[in-house]
C-alpha atoms as a PDB file:
ATOM      1  CA  MET A   1      89.796 120.582 102.829  1.00  0.00           C
ATOM      2  CA  ALA A   2      90.728 119.578  99.165  1.00  0.00           C
ATOM      3  CA  ALA A   3      94.452 119.531  98.312  1.00  0.00           C
ATOM      4  CA  THR A   4      95.701 122.667  96.935  1.00  0.00           C
ATOM      5  CA  LEU A   5      98.188 123.107  93.767  1.00  0.00           C
ATOM      6  CA  ALA A   6     101.407 123.303  95.631  1.00  0.00           C
ATOM      7  CA  ASP A   7     100.066 120.062  97.634  1.00  0.00           C
ATOM      8  CA  ARG A   8      99.455 118.523  94.498  1.00  0.00           C
ATOM      9  CA  ALA A   9     103.231 119.299  93.070  1.00  0.00           C
ATOM     10  CA  ALA A  10     105.101 116.223  92.145  1.00  0.00           C
ATOM     11  CA  THR A  11     108.737 116.007  93.048  1.00  0.00           C
ATOM     12  CA  LEU A  12     109.909 113.060  91.182  1.00  0.00           C
ATOM     13  CA  TRP A  13     110.414 114.251  87.560  1.00  0.00           C
ATOM     14  CA  THR A  14     112.488 116.057  85.380  1.00  0.00           C
ATOM     15  CA  PRO A  15     111.671 118.585  82.235  1.00  0.00           C
ATOM     16  CA  LEU A  16     112.189 117.374  78.810  1.00  0.00           C
ATOM     17  CA  GLU A  17     111.790 119.295  75.296  1.00  0.00           C
ATOM     18  CA  ALA A  18     108.658 120.828  74.134  1.00  0.00           C
ATOM     19  CA  GLY A  19     106.902 121.098  77.436  1.00  0.00           C
ATOM     20  CA  LYS A  20     107.242 117.281  78.194  1.00  0.00           C
ATOM     21  CA  VAL A  21     108.150 115.872  81.638  1.00  0.00           C
ATOM     22  CA  ARG A  22     109.868 112.652  82.622  1.00  0.00           C
ATOM     23  CA  CYS A  23     108.401 111.189  85.673  1.00  0.00           C
ATOM     24  CA  THR A  24     110.872 109.353  87.671  1.00  0.00           C
ATOM     25  CA  ALA A  25     108.837 107.577  90.275  1.00  0.00           C
ATOM     26  CA  CYS A  26     108.623 104.078  88.810  1.00  0.00           C
ATOM     27  CA  ALA A  27     110.778 102.339  86.415  1.00  0.00           C
ATOM     28  CA  ARG A  28     108.662 103.107  83.596  1.00  0.00           C
ATOM     29  CA  TYR A  29     110.137 106.511  83.380  1.00  0.00           C
ATOM     30  CA  CYS A  30     106.962 107.764  81.403  1.00  0.00           C
ATOM     31  CA  ALA A  31     107.631 110.824  79.083  1.00  0.00           C
ATOM     32  CA  ILE A  32     104.490 112.743  79.358  1.00  0.00           C
ATOM     33  CA  PRO A  33     103.340 115.549  76.987  1.00  0.00           C
ATOM     34  CA  ASP A  34     101.484 118.467  78.717  1.00  0.00           C
ATOM     35  CA  GLY A  35      97.997 117.666  79.291  1.00  0.00           C
ATOM     36  CA  SER A  36      98.366 113.912  79.555  1.00  0.00           C
ATOM     37  CA  HIS A  37      99.309 111.390  82.320  1.00  0.00           C
ATOM     38  CA  GLY A  38     101.610 108.564  82.846  1.00  0.00           C
ATOM     39  CA  PHE A  39     100.776 104.989  82.551  1.00  0.00           C
ATOM     40  CA  CYS A  40      99.506 105.064  86.258  1.00  0.00           C
ATOM     41  CA  PHE A  41      96.629 107.558  85.550  1.00  0.00           C
ATOM     42  CA  VAL A  42      97.599 109.641  88.250  1.00  0.00           C
ATOM     43  CA  ARG A  43     100.534 111.646  87.334  1.00  0.00           C
ATOM     44  CA  LYS A  44      99.870 114.457  85.091  1.00  0.00           C
ATOM     45  CA  ASN A  45     101.588 117.109  83.158  1.00  0.00           C
ATOM     46  CA  GLU A  46      99.801 120.302  83.782  1.00  0.00           C
ATOM     47  CA  GLY A  47     101.607 123.108  81.843  1.00  0.00           C
ATOM     48  CA  GLY A  48     104.961 121.533  82.001  1.00  0.00           C
ATOM     49  CA  ARG A  49     105.158 120.637  85.536  1.00  0.00           C
ATOM     50  CA  LEU A  50     104.068 117.052  86.979  1.00  0.00           C
ATOM     51  CA  VAL A  51     101.442 116.972  89.551  1.00  0.00           C
ATOM     52  CA  LEU A  52      99.772 114.073  91.641  1.00  0.00           C
ATOM     53  CA  LEU A  53      96.092 113.896  91.071  1.00  0.00           C
ATOM     54  CA  THR A  54      95.459 111.701  93.892  1.00  0.00           C
ATOM     55  CA  TYR A  55      97.130 113.728  96.434  1.00  0.00           C
ATOM     56  CA  GLY A  56      95.002 113.805  99.733  1.00  0.00           C
ATOM     57  CA  LEU A  57      92.476 111.429  98.153  1.00  0.00           C
ATOM     58  CA  ALA A  58      92.387 107.642  99.714  1.00  0.00           C
ATOM     59  CA  SER A  59      90.491 105.257  97.866  1.00  0.00           C
ATOM     60  CA  ALA A  60      90.861 102.460 100.762  1.00  0.00           C
ATOM     61  CA  ILE A  61      91.432 102.764 104.347  1.00  0.00           C
ATOM     62  CA  GLN A  62      91.598  99.534 106.741  1.00  0.00           C
ATOM     63  CA  VAL A  63      93.052  98.780 110.066  1.00  0.00           C
ATOM     64  CA  ASP A  64      95.000  95.559 109.403  1.00  0.00           C
ATOM     65  CA  PRO A  65      97.283  93.479 111.470  1.00  0.00           C
ATOM     66  CA  VAL A  66     101.011  93.883 110.420  1.00  0.00           C
ATOM     67  CA  GLU A  67     101.163  90.329 109.691  1.00  0.00           C
ATOM     68  CA  LYS A  68      98.685  90.660 106.854  1.00  0.00           C
ATOM     69  CA  LYS A  69     101.077  92.870 104.637  1.00  0.00           C
ATOM     70  CA  PRO A  70     102.579  90.128 105.172  1.00  0.00           C
ATOM     71  CA  LEU A  71     105.266  91.417 107.424  1.00  0.00           C
ATOM     72  CA  SER A  72     106.185  88.523 109.872  1.00  0.00           C
ATOM     73  CA  HIS A  73     109.455  89.772 111.530  1.00  0.00           C
ATOM     74  CA  PHE A  74     108.587  93.263 112.135  1.00  0.00           C
ATOM     75  CA  HIS A  75     106.506  94.436 115.138  1.00  0.00           C
ATOM     76  CA  PRO A  76     104.423  91.328 115.444  1.00  0.00           C
ATOM     77  CA  GLY A  77     100.854  91.587 116.719  1.00  0.00           C
ATOM     78  CA  THR A  78     100.553  95.234 116.255  1.00  0.00           C
ATOM     79  CA  ARG A  79      98.026  96.805 114.024  1.00  0.00           C
ATOM     80  CA  VAL A  80      98.684  99.143 110.981  1.00  0.00           C
ATOM     81  CA  TYR A  81      96.335 101.907 109.404  1.00  0.00           C
ATOM     82  CA  SER A  82      96.314 100.930 105.922  1.00  0.00           C
ATOM     83  CA  ILE A  83      96.034 103.444 103.051  1.00  0.00           C
ATOM     84  CA  GLY A  84      95.357 102.884  99.237  1.00  0.00           C
ATOM     85  CA  THR A  85      94.769 105.113  96.175  1.00  0.00           C
ATOM     86  CA  VAL A  86      93.410 104.931  92.668  1.00  0.00           C
ATOM     87  CA  GLY A  87      95.754 103.695  89.918  1.00  0.00           C
ATOM     88  CA  CYS A  88      98.787 101.541  89.598  1.00  0.00           C
ATOM     89  CA  ASN A  89     102.025 101.317  87.531  1.00  0.00           C
ATOM     90  CA  TRP A  90     101.087  97.608  86.870  1.00  0.00           C
ATOM     91  CA  ARG A  91      98.400  95.764  84.860  1.00  0.00           C
ATOM     92  CA  CYS A  92      98.057  92.395  86.797  1.00  0.00           C
ATOM     93  CA  LEU A  93      95.300  90.470  85.208  1.00  0.00           C
ATOM     94  CA  TYR A  94      94.741  89.025  88.370  1.00  0.00           C
ATOM     95  CA  CYS A  95      94.597  91.722  90.728  1.00  0.00           C
ATOM     96  CA  GLN A  96      92.307  91.229  94.018  1.00  0.00           C
ATOM     97  CA  ASN A  97      92.041  95.255  94.208  1.00  0.00           C
ATOM     98  CA  ALA A  98      91.418  96.092  90.329  1.00  0.00           C
ATOM     99  CA  GLU A  99      88.469  98.360  91.066  1.00  0.00           C
ATOM    100  CA  ILE A 100      90.743 100.831  92.454  1.00  0.00           C
ATOM    101  CA  SER A 101      94.227  99.937  90.944  1.00  0.00           C
ATOM    102  CA  GLN A 102      93.017 100.012  87.306  1.00  0.00           C
ATOM    103  CA  GLU A 103      90.415 103.098  88.327  1.00  0.00           C
ATOM    104  CA  HIS A 104      90.827 105.702  85.617  1.00  0.00           C
ATOM    105  CA  GLU A 105      88.637 108.309  87.341  1.00  0.00           C
ATOM    106  CA  ILE A 106      90.459 110.184  89.980  1.00  0.00           C
ATOM    107  CA  LYS A 107      88.324 109.698  93.223  1.00  0.00           C
ATOM    108  CA  GLY A 108      88.597 108.923  96.902  1.00  0.00           C
ATOM    109  CA  ARG A 109      87.792 110.051 100.457  1.00  0.00           C
ATOM    110  CA  THR A 110      89.661 113.430 101.295  1.00  0.00           C
ATOM    111  CA  LEU A 111      92.379 112.459 104.043  1.00  0.00           C
ATOM    112  CA  SER A 112      95.163 114.615 104.708  1.00  0.00           C
ATOM    113  CA  PRO A 113      98.598 113.550 106.240  1.00  0.00           C
ATOM    114  CA  GLN A 114      97.348 114.799 109.785  1.00  0.00           C
ATOM    115  CA  ALA A 115      94.055 113.048 109.474  1.00  0.00           C
ATOM    116  CA  ALA A 116      95.719 109.781 108.303  1.00  0.00           C
ATOM    117  CA  VAL A 117      97.965 109.886 111.402  1.00  0.00           C
ATOM    118  CA  ALA A 118      95.026 111.010 113.573  1.00  0.00           C
ATOM    119  CA  GLY A 119      92.913 107.777 112.276  1.00  0.00           C
ATOM    120  CA  ALA A 120      95.945 105.578 113.041  1.00  0.00           C
ATOM    121  CA  ARG A 121      96.298 106.810 116.597  1.00  0.00           C
ATOM    122  CA  ARG A 122      92.537 106.773 117.114  1.00  0.00           C
ATOM    123  CA  TYR A 123      92.257 103.142 116.283  1.00  0.00           C
ATOM    124  CA  GLY A 124      95.235 101.958 118.505  1.00  0.00           C
ATOM    125  CA  CYS A 125      97.654 101.540 115.402  1.00  0.00           C
ATOM    126  CA  SER A 126     101.269 101.148 115.918  1.00  0.00           C
ATOM    127  CA  GLY A 127     101.984 102.282 112.155  1.00  0.00           C
ATOM    128  CA  VAL A 128     100.841 103.374 108.901  1.00  0.00           C
ATOM    129  CA  THR A 129     101.179 101.066 105.881  1.00  0.00           C
ATOM    130  CA  PHE A 130     100.523 101.988 102.151  1.00  0.00           C
ATOM    131  CA  THR A 131      99.029  99.081 100.500  1.00  0.00           C
ATOM    132  CA  TYR A 132      96.071  97.984  97.707  1.00  0.00           C
ATOM    133  CA  ASN A 133      97.670  99.795  94.979  1.00  0.00           C
ATOM    134  CA  GLU A 134     101.304 100.620  94.150  1.00  0.00           C
ATOM    135  CA  PRO A 135     102.569 103.418  96.634  1.00  0.00           C
ATOM    136  CA  SER A 136     105.494 104.404  94.671  1.00  0.00           C
ATOM    137  CA  ILE A 137     102.998 106.265  92.379  1.00  0.00           C
ATOM    138  CA  PHE A 138     101.700 108.442  95.083  1.00  0.00           C
ATOM    139  CA  ALA A 139     105.157 109.000  96.685  1.00  0.00           C
ATOM    140  CA  GLU A 140     104.906 112.602  97.472  1.00  0.00           C
ATOM    141  CA  TYR A 141     101.527 112.054  99.369  1.00  0.00           C
ATOM    142  CA  ALA A 142     102.989 108.748 101.026  1.00  0.00           C
ATOM    143  CA  LEU A 143     106.153 110.701 102.241  1.00  0.00           C
ATOM    144  CA  ASP A 144     104.010 113.353 103.874  1.00  0.00           C
ATOM    145  CA  ILE A 145     102.123 110.944 105.677  1.00  0.00           C
ATOM    146  CA  LEU A 146     105.513 109.038 106.576  1.00  0.00           C
ATOM    147  CA  ARG A 147     106.838 112.322 108.278  1.00  0.00           C
ATOM    148  CA  GLU A 148     103.816 112.946 110.115  1.00  0.00           C
ATOM    149  CA  ALA A 149     103.742 109.293 111.508  1.00  0.00           C
ATOM    150  CA  HIS A 150     107.181 109.304 112.746  1.00  0.00           C
ATOM    151  CA  ALA A 151     106.500 112.647 114.454  1.00  0.00           C
ATOM    152  CA  ALA A 152     103.882 110.935 115.935  1.00  0.00           C
ATOM    153  CA  GLY A 153     105.974 108.004 117.280  1.00  0.00           C
ATOM    154  CA  LEU A 154     104.561 105.489 114.507  1.00  0.00           C
ATOM    155  CA  PHE A 155     106.425 103.047 112.224  1.00  0.00           C
ATOM    156  CA  ALA A 156     105.739 103.301 108.448  1.00  0.00           C
ATOM    157  CA  ASN A 157     106.008 100.758 105.582  1.00  0.00           C
ATOM    158  CA  PHE A 158     105.206 100.300 102.188  1.00  0.00           C
ATOM    159  CA  VAL A 159     103.583  97.119 100.396  1.00  0.00           C
ATOM    160  CA  THR A 160     105.148  97.574  97.098  1.00  0.00           C
ATOM    161  CA  ASN A 161     106.175  95.890  93.844  1.00  0.00           C
ATOM    162  CA  GLY A 162     109.408  97.406  94.072  1.00  0.00           C
ATOM    163  CA  TYR A 163     109.082  98.625  90.351  1.00  0.00           C
ATOM    164  CA  MET A 164     110.700 101.996  91.499  1.00  0.00           C
ATOM    165  CA  THR A 165     113.457 104.073  90.194  1.00  0.00           C
ATOM    166  CA  PRO A 166     116.866 104.850  92.291  1.00  0.00           C
ATOM    167  CA  GLU A 167     115.395 108.425  92.479  1.00  0.00           C
ATOM    168  CA  ALA A 168     112.274 106.993  94.092  1.00  0.00           C
ATOM    169  CA  VAL A 169     114.423 104.706  96.596  1.00  0.00           C
ATOM    170  CA  GLU A 170     116.547 107.818  97.563  1.00  0.00           C
ATOM    171  CA  ALA A 171     113.714 110.012  98.087  1.00  0.00           C
ATOM    172  CA  ILE A 172     111.303 107.303 100.243  1.00  0.00           C
ATOM    173  CA  GLY A 173     113.982 104.852 101.779  1.00  0.00           C
ATOM    174  CA  PRO A 174     115.042 107.282 104.555  1.00  0.00           C
ATOM    175  CA  HIS A 175     111.652 107.624 105.687  1.00  0.00           C
ATOM    176  CA  LEU A 176     110.441 104.034 105.735  1.00  0.00           C
ATOM    177  CA  ASP A 177     110.992 101.421 108.549  1.00  0.00           C
ATOM    178  CA  ALA A 178     109.958  98.324 106.763  1.00  0.00           C
ATOM    179  CA  VAL A 179     108.832  97.267 103.265  1.00  0.00           C
ATOM    180  CA  SER A 180     107.251  93.985 101.804  1.00  0.00           C
ATOM    181  CA  VAL A 181     108.473  93.585  98.303  1.00  0.00           C
ATOM    182  CA  ASP A 182     106.051  91.741  96.107  1.00  0.00           C
ATOM    183  CA  PHE A 183     107.180  89.649  93.364  1.00  0.00           C
ATOM    184  CA  LYS A 184     104.737  87.992  91.184  1.00  0.00           C
ATOM    185  CA  GLY A 185     105.278  84.499  89.423  1.00  0.00           C
ATOM    186  CA  SER A 186     108.862  84.702  91.124  1.00  0.00           C
ATOM    187  CA  GLY A 187     109.708  87.519  88.575  1.00  0.00           C
ATOM    188  CA  GLU A 188     109.990  85.336  85.684  1.00  0.00           C
ATOM    189  CA  PRO A 189     110.161  87.577  83.003  1.00  0.00           C
ATOM    190  CA  GLY A 190     107.786  86.194  80.384  1.00  0.00           C
ATOM    191  CA  PHE A 191     105.273  86.040  83.171  1.00  0.00           C
ATOM    192  CA  MET A 192     105.864  89.806  84.026  1.00  0.00           C
ATOM    193  CA  ARG A 193     105.511  90.779  80.190  1.00  0.00           C
ATOM    194  CA  LYS A 194     102.248  88.678  79.381  1.00  0.00           C
ATOM    195  CA  TYR A 195     100.362  89.078  82.905  1.00  0.00           C
ATOM    196  CA  ILE A 196     101.793  92.347  84.283  1.00  0.00           C
ATOM    197  CA  SER A 197     102.810  94.319  81.395  1.00  0.00           C
ATOM    198  CA  ALA A 198     106.250  95.013  82.968  1.00  0.00           C
ATOM    199  CA  LYS A 199     109.435  94.405  81.239  1.00  0.00           C
ATOM    200  CA  GLY A 200     111.529  92.257  83.939  1.00  0.00           C
ATOM    201  CA  PRO A 201     112.524  92.055  87.418  1.00  0.00           C
ATOM    202  CA  GLU A 202     115.625  94.184  87.269  1.00  0.00           C
ATOM    203  CA  PRO A 203     114.166  97.159  89.023  1.00  0.00           C
ATOM    204  CA  ILE A 204     112.526  95.276  91.593  1.00  0.00           C
ATOM    205  CA  PHE A 205     116.139  93.625  92.609  1.00  0.00           C
ATOM    206  CA  ASP A 206     117.618  96.985  92.419  1.00  0.00           C
ATOM    207  CA  SER A 207     114.987  98.640  94.842  1.00  0.00           C
ATOM    208  CA  ALA A 208     115.029  95.777  97.300  1.00  0.00           C
ATOM    209  CA  ALA A 209     118.691  95.996  97.577  1.00  0.00           C
ATOM    210  CA  GLY A 210     118.716  99.755  97.735  1.00  0.00           C
ATOM    211  CA  LEU A 211     116.345 100.092 100.530  1.00  0.00           C
ATOM    212  CA  LYS A 212     118.214  97.163 102.346  1.00  0.00           C
ATOM    213  CA  ARG A 213     121.395  99.403 102.073  1.00  0.00           C
ATOM    214  CA  ARG A 214     119.380 102.380 103.613  1.00  0.00           C
ATOM    215  CA  GLY A 215     118.470 100.229 106.717  1.00  0.00           C
ATOM    216  CA  VAL A 216     114.931  99.284 105.850  1.00  0.00           C
ATOM    217  CA  HIS A 217     113.545  96.072 107.144  1.00  0.00           C
ATOM    218  CA  VAL A 218     112.918  93.819 103.846  1.00  0.00           C
ATOM    219  CA  GLU A 219     110.644  90.953 103.529  1.00  0.00           C
ATOM    220  CA  ILE A 220     110.019  89.338 100.268  1.00  0.00           C
ATOM    221  CA  THR A 221     106.682  87.945  98.871  1.00  0.00           C
ATOM    222  CA  ASP A 222     106.190  85.557  95.780  1.00  0.00           C
ATOM    223  CA  LEU A 223     102.305  85.023  94.523  1.00  0.00           C
ATOM    224  CA  ILE A 224     102.429  81.645  92.710  1.00  0.00           C
ATOM    225  CA  VAL A 225     100.038  81.508  90.133  1.00  0.00           C
ATOM    226  CA  PRO A 226      99.233  78.081  89.413  1.00  0.00           C
ATOM    227  CA  GLN A 227      99.979  76.754  85.642  1.00  0.00           C
ATOM    228  CA  VAL A 228     101.471  80.158  84.179  1.00  0.00           C
ATOM    229  CA  GLY A 229     103.523  81.334  87.096  1.00  0.00           C
ATOM    230  CA  ASP A 230     105.048  78.372  89.119  1.00  0.00           C
ATOM    231  CA  SER A 231     108.132  77.762  87.899  1.00  0.00           C
ATOM    232  CA  VAL A 232     110.727  75.932  89.670  1.00  0.00           C
ATOM    233  CA  ASP A 233     113.823  77.182  88.142  1.00  0.00           C
ATOM    234  CA  ALA A 234     112.278  80.708  88.547  1.00  0.00           C
ATOM    235  CA  THR A 235     111.829  80.407  92.121  1.00  0.00           C
ATOM    236  CA  ARG A 236     115.158  79.104  92.567  1.00  0.00           C
ATOM    237  CA  LYS A 237     116.648  81.915  90.912  1.00  0.00           C
ATOM    238  CA  LEU A 238     114.736  84.696  93.154  1.00  0.00           C
ATOM    239  CA  ALA A 239     115.595  82.703  96.282  1.00  0.00           C
ATOM    240  CA  ARG A 240     119.297  82.619  95.281  1.00  0.00           C
ATOM    241  CA  TYR A 241     119.006  86.391  94.641  1.00  0.00           C
ATOM    242  CA  VAL A 242     117.580  86.919  98.169  1.00  0.00           C
ATOM    243  CA  VAL A 243     120.176  84.774  99.818  1.00  0.00           C
ATOM    244  CA  ASP A 244     123.103  86.423  97.986  1.00  0.00           C
ATOM    245  CA  THR A 245     121.748  90.259  98.051  1.00  0.00           C
ATOM    246  CA  LEU A 246     119.601  90.478 100.806  1.00  0.00           C
ATOM    247  CA  GLY A 247     120.732  87.756 103.393  1.00  0.00           C
ATOM    248  CA  PRO A 248     119.556  84.230 104.179  1.00  0.00           C
ATOM    249  CA  ALA A 249     117.509  85.510 107.166  1.00  0.00           C
ATOM    250  CA  THR A 250     115.334  87.769 104.901  1.00  0.00           C
ATOM    251  CA  PRO A 251     111.660  86.243 105.531  1.00  0.00           C
ATOM    252  CA  PHE A 252     110.426  84.807 102.023  1.00  0.00           C
ATOM    253  CA  HIS A 253     106.418  84.272 101.650  1.00  0.00           C
ATOM    254  CA  LEU A 254     105.191  82.020  98.894  1.00  0.00           C
ATOM    255  CA  LEU A 255     101.342  83.154  98.476  1.00  0.00           C
ATOM    256  CA  ARG A 256      98.725  80.975  97.130  1.00  0.00           C
ATOM    257  CA  PHE A 257      96.853  82.376  94.276  1.00  0.00           C
ATOM    258  CA  HIS A 258      93.172  82.804  94.201  1.00  0.00           C
ATOM    259  CA  PRO A 259      91.139  83.446  90.850  1.00  0.00           C
ATOM    260  CA  ASP A 260      90.482  87.204  90.473  1.00  0.00           C
ATOM    261  CA  TYR A 261      89.770  90.091  87.787  1.00  0.00           C
ATOM    262  CA  LYS A 262      90.720  88.715  84.379  1.00  0.00           C
ATOM    263  CA  MET A 263      91.987  85.447  85.556  1.00  0.00           C
ATOM    264  CA  LEU A 264      88.977  83.623  86.992  1.00  0.00           C
ATOM    265  CA  ASP A 265      89.591  80.414  84.944  1.00  0.00           C
ATOM    266  CA  LEU A 266      92.658  79.383  86.907  1.00  0.00           C
ATOM    267  CA  PRO A 267      92.436  77.186  89.920  1.00  0.00           C
ATOM    268  CA  GLU A 268      93.639  78.336  93.576  1.00  0.00           C
ATOM    269  CA  THR A 269      97.315  77.491  93.422  1.00  0.00           C
ATOM    270  CA  PRO A 270      97.734  73.495  94.729  1.00  0.00           C
ATOM    271  CA  ILE A 271      99.468  73.411  98.185  1.00  0.00           C
ATOM    272  CA  ALA A 272     101.551  70.760  96.840  1.00  0.00           C
ATOM    273  CA  THR A 273     103.081  73.201  94.526  1.00  0.00           C
ATOM    274  CA  LEU A 274     103.588  75.665  97.037  1.00  0.00           C
ATOM    275  CA  GLU A 275     105.210  73.088  99.283  1.00  0.00           C
ATOM    276  CA  ARG A 276     107.435  71.968  96.601  1.00  0.00           C
ATOM    277  CA  LEU A 277     108.641  75.458  95.901  1.00  0.00           C
ATOM    278  CA  HIS A 278     109.332  76.088  99.668  1.00  0.00           C
ATOM    279  CA  ALA A 279     111.439  72.911  99.650  1.00  0.00           C
ATOM    280  CA  VAL A 280     113.580  74.420  96.696  1.00  0.00           C
ATOM    281  CA  ALA A 281     113.745  78.034  98.541  1.00  0.00           C
ATOM    282  CA  LYS A 282     114.853  76.329 101.574  1.00  0.00           C
ATOM    283  CA  ALA A 283     117.444  74.326  99.499  1.00  0.00           C
ATOM    284  CA  GLU A 284     118.711  77.695  98.147  1.00  0.00           C
ATOM    285  CA  GLY A 285     119.586  78.820 101.773  1.00  0.00           C
ATOM    286  CA  LEU A 286     116.964  80.788 103.085  1.00  0.00           C
ATOM    287  CA  GLU A 287     116.358  80.277 106.455  1.00  0.00           C
ATOM    288  CA  TYR A 288     112.889  81.846 107.214  1.00  0.00           C
ATOM    289  CA  VAL A 289     110.421  80.653 104.307  1.00  0.00           C
ATOM    290  CA  TYR A 290     106.631  80.887 104.856  1.00  0.00           C
ATOM    291  CA  LEU A 291     103.359  79.799 102.794  1.00  0.00           C
ATOM    292  CA  GLY A 292     100.822  82.443 102.770  1.00  0.00           C
ATOM    293  CA  ASN A 293      96.979  82.370 102.288  1.00  0.00           C
ATOM    294  CA  ILE A 294      96.890  78.839 103.669  1.00  0.00           C
ATOM    295  CA  TRP A 295      95.584  79.251 107.435  1.00  0.00           C
ATOM    296  CA  GLY A 296      96.485  76.340 109.752  1.00  0.00           C
ATOM    297  CA  HIS A 297      99.374  75.187 107.697  1.00  0.00           C
ATOM    298  CA  PRO A 298     102.624  74.025 109.716  1.00  0.00           C
ATOM    299  CA  LEU A 299     104.897  76.123 107.157  1.00  0.00           C
ATOM    300  CA  GLU A 300     103.009  79.468 108.607  1.00  0.00           C
ATOM    301  CA  HIS A 301     105.089  78.821 111.662  1.00  0.00           C
ATOM    302  CA  THR A 302     108.667  80.553 112.188  1.00  0.00           C
ATOM    303  CA  TYR A 303     111.079  77.563 112.870  1.00  0.00           C
ATOM    304  CA  CYS A 304     114.359  77.979 114.568  1.00  0.00           C
ATOM    305  CA  PRO A 305     117.347  77.546 112.058  1.00  0.00           C
ATOM    306  CA  GLY A 306     119.501  76.339 115.324  1.00  0.00           C
ATOM    307  CA  CYS A 307     117.372  73.638 116.451  1.00  0.00           C
ATOM    308  CA  GLY A 308     114.237  73.400 114.337  1.00  0.00           C
ATOM    309  CA  ALA A 309     111.854  74.036 117.353  1.00  0.00           C
ATOM    310  CA  ILE A 310     108.823  76.329 116.467  1.00  0.00           C
ATOM    311  CA  ALA A 311     109.816  79.622 117.536  1.00  0.00           C
ATOM    312  CA  VAL A 312     106.510  81.296 116.782  1.00  0.00           C
ATOM    313  CA  ARG A 313     103.488  79.463 116.301  1.00  0.00           C
ATOM    314  CA  ARG A 314     100.980  81.270 113.750  1.00  0.00           C
ATOM    315  CA  TYR A 315      97.395  80.947 112.731  1.00  0.00           C
ATOM    316  CA  GLY A 316      96.916  83.306 109.635  1.00  0.00           C
ATOM    317  CA  PHE A 317      97.352  86.668 111.132  1.00  0.00           C
ATOM    318  CA  THR A 318      97.611  85.733 114.580  1.00  0.00           C
ATOM    319  CA  ILE A 319     100.310  84.456 116.887  1.00  0.00           C
ATOM    320  CA  ARG A 320      99.291  81.459 118.944  1.00  0.00           C
ATOM    321  CA  SER A 321     102.465  80.963 120.759  1.00  0.00           C
ATOM    322  CA  TRP A 322     105.655  83.323 121.217  1.00  0.00           C
ATOM    323  CA  ASN A 323     108.614  80.817 122.236  1.00  0.00           C
ATOM    324  CA  LEU A 324     111.209  83.554 122.504  1.00  0.00           C
ATOM    325  CA  ASP A 325     113.035  85.127 125.364  1.00  0.00           C
ATOM    326  CA  ARG A 326     113.200  89.009 125.941  1.00  0.00           C
ATOM    327  CA  GLU A 327     116.122  89.137 123.405  1.00  0.00           C
ATOM    328  CA  ASN A 328     114.116  87.192 120.741  1.00  0.00           C
ATOM    329  CA  ARG A 329     116.178  84.146 121.145  1.00  0.00           C
ATOM    330  CA  CYS A 330     114.692  80.433 120.603  1.00  0.00           C
ATOM    331  CA  ARG A 331     113.983  79.404 124.306  1.00  0.00           C
ATOM    332  CA  ALA A 332     114.973  75.787 123.315  1.00  0.00           C
ATOM    333  CA  CYS A 333     118.489  76.546 122.084  1.00  0.00           C
ATOM    334  CA  GLY A 334     119.167  80.392 122.256  1.00  0.00           C
ATOM    335  CA  HIS A 335     119.543  80.961 118.492  1.00  0.00           C
ATOM    336  CA  PRO A 336     118.692  84.750 117.884  1.00  0.00           C
ATOM    337  CA  ILE A 337     115.683  85.075 115.694  1.00  0.00           C
ATOM    338  CA  PRO A 338     115.639  88.386 113.568  1.00  0.00           C
ATOM    339  CA  ILE A 339     112.387  89.660 114.284  1.00  0.00           C
ATOM    340  CA  VAL A 340     112.244  93.444 115.235  1.00  0.00           C
ATOM    341  CA  GLY A 341     109.976  94.386 118.076  1.00  0.00           C
ATOM    342  CA  ARG A 342     107.856  91.895 120.037  1.00  0.00           C
ATOM    343  CA  PRO A 343     103.973  91.421 120.603  1.00  0.00           C
ATOM    344  CA  PRO A 344     102.287  94.093 122.957  1.00  0.00           C
ATOM    345  CA  PRO A 345     101.858  92.393 126.355  1.00  0.00           C
ATOM    346  CA  ASP A 346      98.171  92.360 125.908  1.00  0.00           C
ATOM    347  CA  TYR A 347      98.345  90.639 122.639  1.00  0.00           C
ATOM    348  CA  VAL A 348     100.688  88.055 124.316  1.00  0.00           C
ATOM    349  CA  ALA A 349      98.241  87.447 127.295  1.00  0.00           C
ATOM    350  CA  ALA A 350      95.363  87.082 124.791  1.00  0.00           C
ATOM    351  CA  PHE A 351      96.781  84.862 122.163  1.00  0.00           C
ATOM    352  CA  ALA A 352     100.361  83.412 123.198  1.00  0.00           C
ATOM    353  CA  THR A 353     102.315  82.021 125.673  1.00  0.00           C
ATOM    354  CA  PRO A 354     103.346  84.418 128.483  1.00  0.00           C
ATOM    355  CA  VAL A 355     106.816  85.991 128.009  1.00  0.00           C
END
């Protein structure tokens, strides 16, 4: 069934003079004249009120392991029902989902909040995730799914660039269980302006801190783009912010870039670059630093800060051994490892050391 006008009515906006509206979903705070849409393509002023054109329209639906988000410390070994729409509030020149994030035409498969949760349950998912494009731009649609998911006993999380407003954090935060906040190029302002068309990282810092204060489980990712977004100083600054504001136990993922969209001329990030930045982040006091998109690398594993033993052995998105007791403490020394939940028993039996 197509979304009704009432469904499409946005809530994150305020009226302005002469029929304009101010969108408050993301940090651009677009002032939108009647008949026009915001920078994201999908939030439109119709007759002096803001509507969400993509309500109930999913452009991408996929069942994923939660580790793919990446969330390494949140309900490991579970599957999530991943949902995205068209549009985005960034213009990443390397976007691997550009065919939907930069799409101007409003299109997608009809997916009501009830149908989304039914799909998650049908495929044995433990949660729903909003990903592939920036979920804050379709916050009202996501919120309706979040409420349905919680009513059905599922968890819910965002994979977000974090370029939100305090208003969006206030609306979304109480309904989120976990969030992966994706920095690019360590949030260096020059990189963000040139390759993302965003002014700087301050809204991301504020959003991550605001969600953490509301009890949301936060993990940080940092896409390292070789030659143009691999600054040691920027990574050090980001790591220091995470330690000081979110805490040293915050999982921190350094992700390998691969060429895509309008940046096909760059190579994949050298492994040596990621290893060097891993050492930088650890030196700033982060306890759990991971390398992503390099399957089989020893820095995929979770290491115990207490004794250095491998607490969780990983290969890509799978867990190969689970060396924690029933309270998620290191079996070798008893140090508590801050992981929310545990792998399902059947997952452990199939892939990991029995618990």
